Amino acid sequence: MSKFVTRFAKNESGATAIEYGLIVALIAVFIIGAVTSVGTALSTKFNSVASSL
């Protein structure tokens, strides 16, 4: 039984998966923020062009 507990304590594959998940979530937040910002800027620009016409 102690061999199983020792092996379980040394297993880090779950921690690695969680770390990768957090990195992916952080990247997704940055991408969503960038796309939202660019979308707002483009909308403003198109509205400016449309009102000029």
PDB file of N, CA and C in Angstrom:
ATOM      1  N   MET A   1       0.831  -1.202   0.000  1.00  0.00           N
ATOM      2  CA  MET A   1       0.000   0.000   0.000  1.00  0.00           C
ATOM      3  C   MET A   1       0.868   1.255   0.000  1.00  0.00           C
ATOM      4  N   SER A   2       1.952   1.237   0.741  1.00  0.00           N
ATOM      5  CA  SER A   2       2.822   2.419   0.777  1.00  0.00           C
ATOM      6  C   SER A   2       3.481   2.670  -0.574  1.00  0.00           C
ATOM      7  N   LYS A   3       3.725   1.597  -1.336  1.00  0.00           N
ATOM      8  CA  LYS A   3       4.296   1.749  -2.673  1.00  0.00           C
ATOM      9  C   LYS A   3       3.317   2.495  -3.581  1.00  0.00           C
ATOM     10  N   PHE A   4       2.028   2.169  -3.465  1.00  0.00           N
ATOM     11  CA  PHE A   4       0.996   2.848  -4.256  1.00  0.00           C
ATOM     12  C   PHE A   4       0.909   4.328  -3.892  1.00  0.00           C
ATOM     13  N   VAL A   5       0.945   4.637  -2.604  1.00  0.00           N
ATOM     14  CA  VAL A   5       0.854   6.030  -2.150  1.00  0.00           C
ATOM     15  C   VAL A   5       2.068   6.813  -2.619  1.00  0.00           C
ATOM     16  N   THR A   6       3.238   6.210  -2.558  1.00  0.00           N
ATOM     17  CA  THR A   6       4.461   6.885  -3.013  1.00  0.00           C
ATOM     18  C   THR A   6       4.387   7.163  -4.509  1.00  0.00           C
ATOM     19  N   ARG A   7       3.951   6.165  -5.270  1.00  0.00           N
ATOM     20  CA  ARG A   7       3.835   6.349  -6.719  1.00  0.00           C
ATOM     21  C   ARG A   7       2.786   7.405  -7.055  1.00  0.00           C
ATOM     22  N   PHE A   8       1.684   7.416  -6.324  1.00  0.00           N
ATOM     23  CA  PHE A   8       0.628   8.406  -6.550  1.00  0.00           C
ATOM     24  C   PHE A   8       1.117   9.808  -6.229  1.00  0.00           C
ATOM     25  N   ALA A   9       1.905   9.963  -5.181  1.00  0.00           N
ATOM     26  CA  ALA A   9       2.421  11.275  -4.789  1.00  0.00           C
ATOM     27  C   ALA A   9       3.420  11.814  -5.809  1.00  0.00           C
ATOM     28  N   LYS A  10       4.151  10.918  -6.480  1.00  0.00           N
ATOM     29  CA  LYS A  10       5.145  11.354  -7.465  1.00  0.00           C
ATOM     30  C   LYS A  10       4.536  11.630  -8.840  1.00  0.00           C
ATOM     31  N   ASN A  11       3.310  11.180  -9.079  1.00  0.00           N
ATOM     32  CA  ASN A  11       2.663  11.360 -10.366  1.00  0.00           C
ATOM     33  C   ASN A  11       2.265  12.825 -10.528  1.00  0.00           C
ATOM     34  N   GLU A  12       2.788  13.472 -11.569  1.00  0.00           N
ATOM     35  CA  GLU A  12       2.518  14.895 -11.798  1.00  0.00           C
ATOM     36  C   GLU A  12       1.741  15.138 -13.081  1.00  0.00           C
ATOM     37  N   SER A  13       1.207  14.110 -13.701  1.00  0.00           N
ATOM     38  CA  SER A  13       0.510  14.303 -14.971  1.00  0.00           C
ATOM     39  C   SER A  13      -0.771  15.120 -14.791  1.00  0.00           C
ATOM     40  N   GLY A  14      -1.459  14.964 -13.683  1.00  0.00           N
ATOM     41  CA  GLY A  14      -2.662  15.760 -13.429  1.00  0.00           C
ATOM     42  C   GLY A  14      -2.334  17.227 -13.250  1.00  0.00           C
ATOM     43  N   ALA A  15      -1.255  17.509 -12.530  1.00  0.00           N
ATOM     44  CA  ALA A  15      -0.840  18.898 -12.319  1.00  0.00           C
ATOM     45  C   ALA A  15      -0.438  19.541 -13.647  1.00  0.00           C
ATOM     46  N   THR A  16       0.212  18.789 -14.503  1.00  0.00           N
ATOM     47  CA  THR A  16       0.616  19.315 -15.801  1.00  0.00           C
ATOM     48  C   THR A  16      -0.612  19.629 -16.654  1.00  0.00           C
ATOM     49  N   ALA A  17      -1.598  18.759 -16.628  1.00  0.00           N
ATOM     50  CA  ALA A  17      -2.819  19.002 -17.403  1.00  0.00           C
ATOM     51  C   ALA A  17      -3.532  20.254 -16.907  1.00  0.00           C
ATOM     52  N   ILE A  18      -3.563  20.451 -15.608  1.00  0.00           N
ATOM     53  CA  ILE A  18      -4.192  21.651 -15.048  1.00  0.00           C
ATOM     54  C   ILE A  18      -3.426  22.896 -15.467  1.00  0.00           C
ATOM     55  N   GLU A  19      -2.112  22.824 -15.445  1.00  0.00           N
ATOM     56  CA  GLU A  19      -1.293  23.973 -15.866  1.00  0.00           C
ATOM     57  C   GLU A  19      -1.551  24.313 -17.331  1.00  0.00           C
ATOM     58  N   TYR A  20      -1.607  23.298 -18.189  1.00  0.00           N
ATOM     59  CA  TYR A  20      -1.896  23.551 -19.603  1.00  0.00           C
ATOM     60  C   TYR A  20      -3.285  24.149 -19.768  1.00  0.00           C
ATOM     61  N   GLY A  21      -4.233  23.680 -18.996  1.00  0.00           N
ATOM     62  CA  GLY A  21      -5.586  24.229 -19.052  1.00  0.00           C
ATOM     63  C   GLY A  21      -5.616  25.691 -18.665  1.00  0.00           C
ATOM     64  N   LEU A  22      -4.873  26.053 -17.631  1.00  0.00           N
ATOM     65  CA  LEU A  22      -4.821  27.453 -17.202  1.00  0.00           C
ATOM     66  C   LEU A  22      -4.152  28.332 -18.255  1.00  0.00           C
ATOM     67  N   ILE A  23      -3.117  27.822 -18.879  1.00  0.00           N
ATOM     68  CA  ILE A  23      -2.432  28.587 -19.932  1.00  0.00           C
ATOM     69  C   ILE A  23      -3.374  28.811 -21.114  1.00  0.00           C
ATOM     70  N   VAL A  24      -4.104  27.780 -21.511  1.00  0.00           N
ATOM     71  CA  VAL A  24      -5.045  27.908 -22.625  1.00  0.00           C
ATOM     72  C   VAL A  24      -6.145  28.903 -22.274  1.00  0.00           C
ATOM     73  N   ALA A  25      -6.643  28.861 -21.036  1.00  0.00           N
ATOM     74  CA  ALA A  25      -7.688  29.800 -20.617  1.00  0.00           C
ATOM     75  C   ALA A  25      -7.162  31.235 -20.652  1.00  0.00           C
ATOM     76  N   LEU A  26      -5.940  31.453 -20.211  1.00  0.00           N
ATOM     77  CA  LEU A  26      -5.352  32.793 -20.224  1.00  0.00           C
ATOM     78  C   LEU A  26      -5.176  33.305 -21.649  1.00  0.00           C
ATOM     79  N   ILE A  27      -4.709  32.449 -22.534  1.00  0.00           N
ATOM     80  CA  ILE A  27      -4.562  32.840 -23.934  1.00  0.00           C
ATOM     81  C   ILE A  27      -5.920  33.171 -24.538  1.00  0.00           C
ATOM     82  N   ALA A  28      -6.940  32.380 -24.208  1.00  0.00           N
ATOM     83  CA  ALA A  28      -8.288  32.633 -24.731  1.00  0.00           C
ATOM     84  C   ALA A  28      -8.810  33.985 -24.266  1.00  0.00           C
ATOM     85  N   VAL A  29      -8.549  34.348 -23.006  1.00  0.00           N
ATOM     86  CA  VAL A  29      -8.997  35.647 -22.486  1.00  0.00           C
ATOM     87  C   VAL A  29      -8.328  36.779 -23.255  1.00  0.00           C
ATOM     88  N   PHE A  30      -7.030  36.659 -23.515  1.00  0.00           N
ATOM     89  CA  PHE A  30      -6.327  37.696 -24.274  1.00  0.00           C
ATOM     90  C   PHE A  30      -6.852  37.792 -25.704  1.00  0.00           C
ATOM     91  N   ILE A  31      -7.122  36.660 -26.332  1.00  0.00           N
ATOM     92  CA  ILE A  31      -7.631  36.671 -27.701  1.00  0.00           C
ATOM     93  C   ILE A  31      -9.012  37.314 -27.748  1.00  0.00           C
ATOM     94  N   ILE A  32      -9.870  36.965 -26.800  1.00  0.00           N
ATOM     95  CA  ILE A  32     -11.212  37.554 -26.768  1.00  0.00           C
ATOM     96  C   ILE A  32     -11.128  39.067 -26.568  1.00  0.00           C
ATOM     97  N   GLY A  33     -10.248  39.499 -25.694  1.00  0.00           N
ATOM     98  CA  GLY A  33     -10.070  40.935 -25.475  1.00  0.00           C
ATOM     99  C   GLY A  33      -9.569  41.648 -26.715  1.00  0.00           C
ATOM    100  N   ALA A  34      -8.610  41.045 -27.403  1.00  0.00           N
ATOM    101  CA  ALA A  34      -8.061  41.663 -28.610  1.00  0.00           C
ATOM    102  C   ALA A  34      -9.108  41.729 -29.716  1.00  0.00           C
ATOM    103  N   VAL A  35      -9.865  40.661 -29.907  1.00  0.00           N
ATOM    104  CA  VAL A  35     -10.882  40.643 -30.955  1.00  0.00           C
ATOM    105  C   VAL A  35     -11.984  41.661 -30.644  1.00  0.00           C
ATOM    106  N   THR A  36     -12.364  41.768 -29.393  1.00  0.00           N
ATOM    107  CA  THR A  36     -13.375  42.748 -29.002  1.00  0.00           C
ATOM    108  C   THR A  36     -12.884  44.163 -29.261  1.00  0.00           C
ATOM    109  N   SER A  37     -11.642  44.434 -28.922  1.00  0.00           N
ATOM    110  CA  SER A  37     -11.069  45.762 -29.131  1.00  0.00           C
ATOM    111  C   SER A  37     -10.993  46.106 -30.616  1.00  0.00           C
ATOM    112  N   VAL A  38     -10.519  45.176 -31.410  1.00  0.00           N
ATOM    113  CA  VAL A  38     -10.419  45.408 -32.852  1.00  0.00           C
ATOM    114  C   VAL A  38     -11.812  45.564 -33.452  1.00  0.00           C
ATOM    115  N   GLY A  39     -12.759  44.764 -33.005  1.00  0.00           N
ATOM    116  CA  GLY A  39     -14.133  44.866 -33.509  1.00  0.00           C
ATOM    117  C   GLY A  39     -14.745  46.213 -33.215  1.00  0.00           C
ATOM    118  N   THR A  40     -14.509  46.730 -32.017  1.00  0.00           N
ATOM    119  CA  THR A  40     -15.033  48.043 -31.657  1.00  0.00           C
ATOM    120  C   THR A  40     -14.394  49.138 -32.509  1.00  0.00           C
ATOM    121  N   ALA A  41     -13.094  49.042 -32.715  1.00  0.00           N
ATOM    122  CA  ALA A  41     -12.398  50.040 -33.537  1.00  0.00           C
ATOM    123  C   ALA A  41     -12.891  49.993 -34.980  1.00  0.00           C
ATOM    124  N   LEU A  42     -13.083  48.786 -35.517  1.00  0.00           N
ATOM    125  CA  LEU A  42     -13.578  48.673 -36.890  1.00  0.00           C
ATOM    126  C   LEU A  42     -14.999  49.199 -37.016  1.00  0.00           C
ATOM    127  N   SER A  43     -15.814  48.932 -36.030  1.00  0.00           N
ATOM    128  CA  SER A  43     -17.188  49.426 -36.055  1.00  0.00           C
ATOM    129  C   SER A  43     -17.210  50.952 -36.060  1.00  0.00           C
ATOM    130  N   THR A  44     -16.359  51.556 -35.247  1.00  0.00           N
ATOM    131  CA  THR A  44     -16.269  53.011 -35.214  1.00  0.00           C
ATOM    132  C   THR A  44     -15.807  53.561 -36.559  1.00  0.00           C
ATOM    133  N   LYS A  45     -14.825  52.915 -37.146  1.00  0.00           N
ATOM    134  CA  LYS A  45     -14.300  53.358 -38.445  1.00  0.00           C
ATOM    135  C   LYS A  45     -15.355  53.229 -39.536  1.00  0.00           C
ATOM    136  N   PHE A  46     -16.062  52.107 -39.566  1.00  0.00           N
ATOM    137  CA  PHE A  46     -17.105  51.928 -40.593  1.00  0.00           C
ATOM    138  C   PHE A  46     -18.240  52.925 -40.389  1.00  0.00           C
ATOM    139  N   ASN A  47     -18.614  53.207 -39.168  1.00  0.00           N
ATOM    140  CA  ASN A  47     -19.645  54.207 -38.926  1.00  0.00           C
ATOM    141  C   ASN A  47     -19.191  55.591 -39.376  1.00  0.00           C
ATOM    142  N   SER A  48     -17.920  55.901 -39.188  1.00  0.00           N
ATOM    143  CA  SER A  48     -17.360  57.174 -39.636  1.00  0.00           C
ATOM    144  C   SER A  48     -17.405  57.275 -41.166  1.00  0.00           C
ATOM    145  N   VAL A  49     -17.022  56.208 -41.841  1.00  0.00           N
ATOM    146  CA  VAL A  49     -17.047  56.200 -43.301  1.00  0.00           C
ATOM    147  C   VAL A  49     -18.472  56.288 -43.810  1.00  0.00           C
ATOM    148  N   ALA A  50     -19.388  55.575 -43.177  1.00  0.00           N
ATOM    149  CA  ALA A  50     -20.780  55.592 -43.616  1.00  0.00           C
ATOM    150  C   ALA A  50     -21.399  56.972 -43.444  1.00  0.00           C
ATOM    151  N   SER A  51     -21.071  57.654 -42.366  1.00  0.00           N
ATOM    152  CA  SER A  51     -21.632  58.992 -42.164  1.00  0.00           C
ATOM    153  C   SER A  51     -21.003  60.017 -43.118  1.00  0.00           C
ATOM    154  N   SER A  52     -19.774  59.768 -43.540  1.00  0.00           N
ATOM    155  CA  SER A  52     -19.133  60.662 -44.502  1.00  0.00           C
ATOM    156  C   SER A  52     -19.748  60.538 -45.877  1.00  0.00           C
ATOM    157  N   LEU A  53     -20.215  59.348 -46.196  1.00  0.00           N
ATOM    158  CA  LEU A  53     -20.823  59.131 -47.528  1.00  0.00           C
ATOM    159  C   LEU A  53     -22.188  59.756 -47.535  1.00  0.00           C
TER     160      LEU A  53
END
